[in-house]
Amino acid sequence: MLDVLSALHALRRPRLLIRAARIGQGDYRRTVHLQRHLGIGPLPCPGAALMQLMEIEAEMNAQRKRRAAGYSAARHVDILIAIMAEARILRATHPGQNDA
């Protein structure tokens, strides 16, 4: 878990993307968001979900940097919302390990 949170802490993204994701966290619904991004099936635990979401986000960020035609800022923000919310859930379920 610490490795995932350490990797998350090291992420550097444009301020506007992060601000938009923070604003959107209040509307996060785990079942809906994870099924949209990870596909239909049993929901993974927060740590596994976070790892998968970070892989998706890394690809989205690469598309953003390449200025790819298929890049969607809205989808990128939605994935960042899910990452922030899953990290919050993970920290809440492992309270003694918050300081990565």
C-alpha atoms as a PDB file:
ATOM      1  CA  MET A   1       0.000   0.000   0.000  1.00  0.00           C
ATOM      2  CA  LEU A   2       2.784   2.422   0.819  1.00  0.00           C
ATOM      3  CA  ASP A   3       4.275   2.049  -2.657  1.00  0.00           C
ATOM      4  CA  VAL A   4       0.966   2.963  -4.294  1.00  0.00           C
ATOM      5  CA  LEU A   5       0.495   5.998  -2.063  1.00  0.00           C
ATOM      6  CA  SER A   6       4.134   7.023  -2.577  1.00  0.00           C
ATOM      7  CA  ALA A   7       3.673   6.847  -6.334  1.00  0.00           C
ATOM      8  CA  LEU A   8       0.487   8.858  -6.021  1.00  0.00           C
ATOM      9  CA  HIS A   9       2.236  11.472  -3.894  1.00  0.00           C
ATOM     10  CA  ALA A  10       4.924  11.810  -6.582  1.00  0.00           C
ATOM     11  CA  LEU A  11       2.414  12.563  -9.375  1.00  0.00           C
ATOM     12  CA  ARG A  12       2.706  16.052 -10.817  1.00  0.00           C
ATOM     13  CA  ARG A  13      -0.182  17.248 -12.941  1.00  0.00           C
ATOM     14  CA  PRO A  14      -1.400  20.670 -14.077  1.00  0.00           C
ATOM     15  CA  ARG A  15      -3.058  22.644 -11.311  1.00  0.00           C
ATOM     16  CA  LEU A  16      -6.316  23.030 -13.251  1.00  0.00           C
ATOM     17  CA  LEU A  17      -6.750  19.242 -13.596  1.00  0.00           C
ATOM     18  CA  ILE A  18      -6.121  18.729  -9.885  1.00  0.00           C
ATOM     19  CA  ARG A  19      -8.476  21.525  -8.841  1.00  0.00           C
ATOM     20  CA  ALA A  20     -11.244  20.163 -11.046  1.00  0.00           C
ATOM     21  CA  ALA A  21     -10.748  16.671  -9.614  1.00  0.00           C
ATOM     22  CA  ARG A  22     -10.857  17.961  -6.041  1.00  0.00           C
ATOM     23  CA  ILE A  23     -14.125  19.745  -6.752  1.00  0.00           C
ATOM     24  CA  GLY A  24     -15.586  16.585  -8.284  1.00  0.00           C
ATOM     25  CA  GLN A  25     -14.727  14.284  -5.373  1.00  0.00           C
ATOM     26  CA  GLY A  26     -18.005  15.053  -3.642  1.00  0.00           C
ATOM     27  CA  ASP A  27     -19.900  13.340  -6.458  1.00  0.00           C
ATOM     28  CA  TYR A  28     -17.740  10.191  -6.448  1.00  0.00           C
ATOM     29  CA  ARG A  29     -19.730   6.961  -6.391  1.00  0.00           C
ATOM     30  CA  ARG A  30     -17.386   3.989  -6.207  1.00  0.00           C
ATOM     31  CA  THR A  31     -19.631   1.479  -7.973  1.00  0.00           C
ATOM     32  CA  VAL A  32     -20.480   3.788 -10.858  1.00  0.00           C
ATOM     33  CA  HIS A  33     -17.026   5.288 -11.367  1.00  0.00           C
ATOM     34  CA  LEU A  34     -15.026   2.076 -11.099  1.00  0.00           C
ATOM     35  CA  GLN A  35     -17.322   0.155 -13.418  1.00  0.00           C
ATOM     36  CA  ARG A  36     -17.061   2.975 -15.953  1.00  0.00           C
ATOM     37  CA  HIS A  37     -13.255   2.982 -15.864  1.00  0.00           C
ATOM     38  CA  LEU A  38     -12.333  -0.607 -14.989  1.00  0.00           C
ATOM     39  CA  GLY A  39     -15.196  -2.498 -16.616  1.00  0.00           C
ATOM     40  CA  ILE A  40     -18.001  -4.630 -15.328  1.00  0.00           C
ATOM     41  CA  GLY A  41     -17.182  -7.241 -12.735  1.00  0.00           C
ATOM     42  CA  PRO A  42     -16.529  -7.426  -9.034  1.00  0.00           C
ATOM     43  CA  LEU A  43     -15.099  -4.224  -7.626  1.00  0.00           C
ATOM     44  CA  PRO A  44     -11.433  -4.525  -6.639  1.00  0.00           C
ATOM     45  CA  CYS A  45     -10.169  -3.498  -3.225  1.00  0.00           C
ATOM     46  CA  PRO A  46      -9.083   0.160  -3.023  1.00  0.00           C
ATOM     47  CA  GLY A  47      -5.370  -0.641  -3.425  1.00  0.00           C
ATOM     48  CA  ALA A  48      -5.885  -2.717  -6.567  1.00  0.00           C
ATOM     49  CA  ALA A  49      -8.334  -0.180  -7.979  1.00  0.00           C
ATOM     50  CA  LEU A  50      -5.870   2.617  -7.320  1.00  0.00           C
ATOM     51  CA  MET A  51      -3.085   0.789  -9.166  1.00  0.00           C
ATOM     52  CA  GLN A  52      -5.314   0.181 -12.199  1.00  0.00           C
ATOM     53  CA  LEU A  53      -6.557   3.762 -12.203  1.00  0.00           C
ATOM     54  CA  MET A  54      -2.999   5.082 -12.021  1.00  0.00           C
ATOM     55  CA  GLU A  55      -2.073   3.027 -15.092  1.00  0.00           C
ATOM     56  CA  ILE A  56      -5.038   4.462 -16.988  1.00  0.00           C
ATOM     57  CA  GLU A  57      -4.175   7.974 -15.803  1.00  0.00           C
ATOM     58  CA  ALA A  58      -0.556   7.602 -16.922  1.00  0.00           C
ATOM     59  CA  GLU A  59      -1.764   6.805 -20.435  1.00  0.00           C
ATOM     60  CA  MET A  60      -4.187   9.743 -20.323  1.00  0.00           C
ATOM     61  CA  ASN A  61      -1.353  12.028 -19.245  1.00  0.00           C
ATOM     62  CA  ALA A  62       0.838  10.749 -22.072  1.00  0.00           C
ATOM     63  CA  GLN A  63      -1.984  11.537 -24.514  1.00  0.00           C
ATOM     64  CA  ARG A  64      -2.293  15.015 -23.009  1.00  0.00           C
ATOM     65  CA  LYS A  65       1.417  15.679 -23.407  1.00  0.00           C
ATOM     66  CA  ARG A  66       1.363  14.399 -27.009  1.00  0.00           C
ATOM     67  CA  ARG A  67      -1.697  16.546 -27.683  1.00  0.00           C
ATOM     68  CA  ALA A  68      -3.357  13.422 -29.057  1.00  0.00           C
ATOM     69  CA  ALA A  69      -6.625  13.934 -30.910  1.00  0.00           C
ATOM     70  CA  GLY A  70      -8.348  11.302 -28.766  1.00  0.00           C
ATOM     71  CA  TYR A  71      -7.439  12.952 -25.462  1.00  0.00           C
ATOM     72  CA  SER A  72     -10.395  13.913 -23.282  1.00  0.00           C
ATOM     73  CA  ALA A  73      -9.765  16.356 -20.443  1.00  0.00           C
ATOM     74  CA  ALA A  74     -13.154  15.435 -18.960  1.00  0.00           C
ATOM     75  CA  ARG A  75     -12.221  11.739 -18.826  1.00  0.00           C
ATOM     76  CA  HIS A  76      -8.816  12.620 -17.385  1.00  0.00           C
ATOM     77  CA  VAL A  77     -10.478  14.621 -14.598  1.00  0.00           C
ATOM     78  CA  ASP A  78     -12.942  11.782 -13.978  1.00  0.00           C
ATOM     79  CA  ILE A  79     -10.052   9.343 -13.559  1.00  0.00           C
ATOM     80  CA  LEU A  80      -8.257  11.759 -11.226  1.00  0.00           C
ATOM     81  CA  ILE A  81     -11.453  12.030  -9.159  1.00  0.00           C
ATOM     82  CA  ALA A  82     -11.516   8.244  -8.826  1.00  0.00           C
ATOM     83  CA  ILE A  83      -7.813   8.148  -7.914  1.00  0.00           C
ATOM     84  CA  MET A  84      -8.215  10.761  -5.189  1.00  0.00           C
ATOM     85  CA  ALA A  85     -11.297   9.069  -3.766  1.00  0.00           C
ATOM     86  CA  GLU A  86      -9.755   5.581  -3.803  1.00  0.00           C
ATOM     87  CA  ALA A  87      -6.625   6.939  -2.101  1.00  0.00           C
ATOM     88  CA  ARG A  88      -8.831   8.480   0.587  1.00  0.00           C
ATOM     89  CA  ILE A  89     -10.596   5.121   1.086  1.00  0.00           C
ATOM     90  CA  LEU A  90      -7.252   3.298   1.211  1.00  0.00           C
ATOM     91  CA  ARG A  91      -5.872   5.691   3.817  1.00  0.00           C
ATOM     92  CA  ALA A  92      -9.045   5.322   5.899  1.00  0.00           C
ATOM     93  CA  THR A  93      -8.755   1.528   5.892  1.00  0.00           C
ATOM     94  CA  HIS A  94      -5.056   1.646   6.881  1.00  0.00           C
ATOM     95  CA  PRO A  95      -4.973   4.507   9.417  1.00  0.00           C
ATOM     96  CA  GLY A  96      -1.513   3.801  10.849  1.00  0.00           C
ATOM     97  CA  GLN A  97       0.165   3.941   7.436  1.00  0.00           C
ATOM     98  CA  ASN A  98      -0.939   7.354   6.174  1.00  0.00           C
ATOM     99  CA  ASP A  99       2.528   8.862   6.072  1.00  0.00           C
ATOM    100  CA  ALA A 100       4.124   7.370   2.973  1.00  0.00           C
END
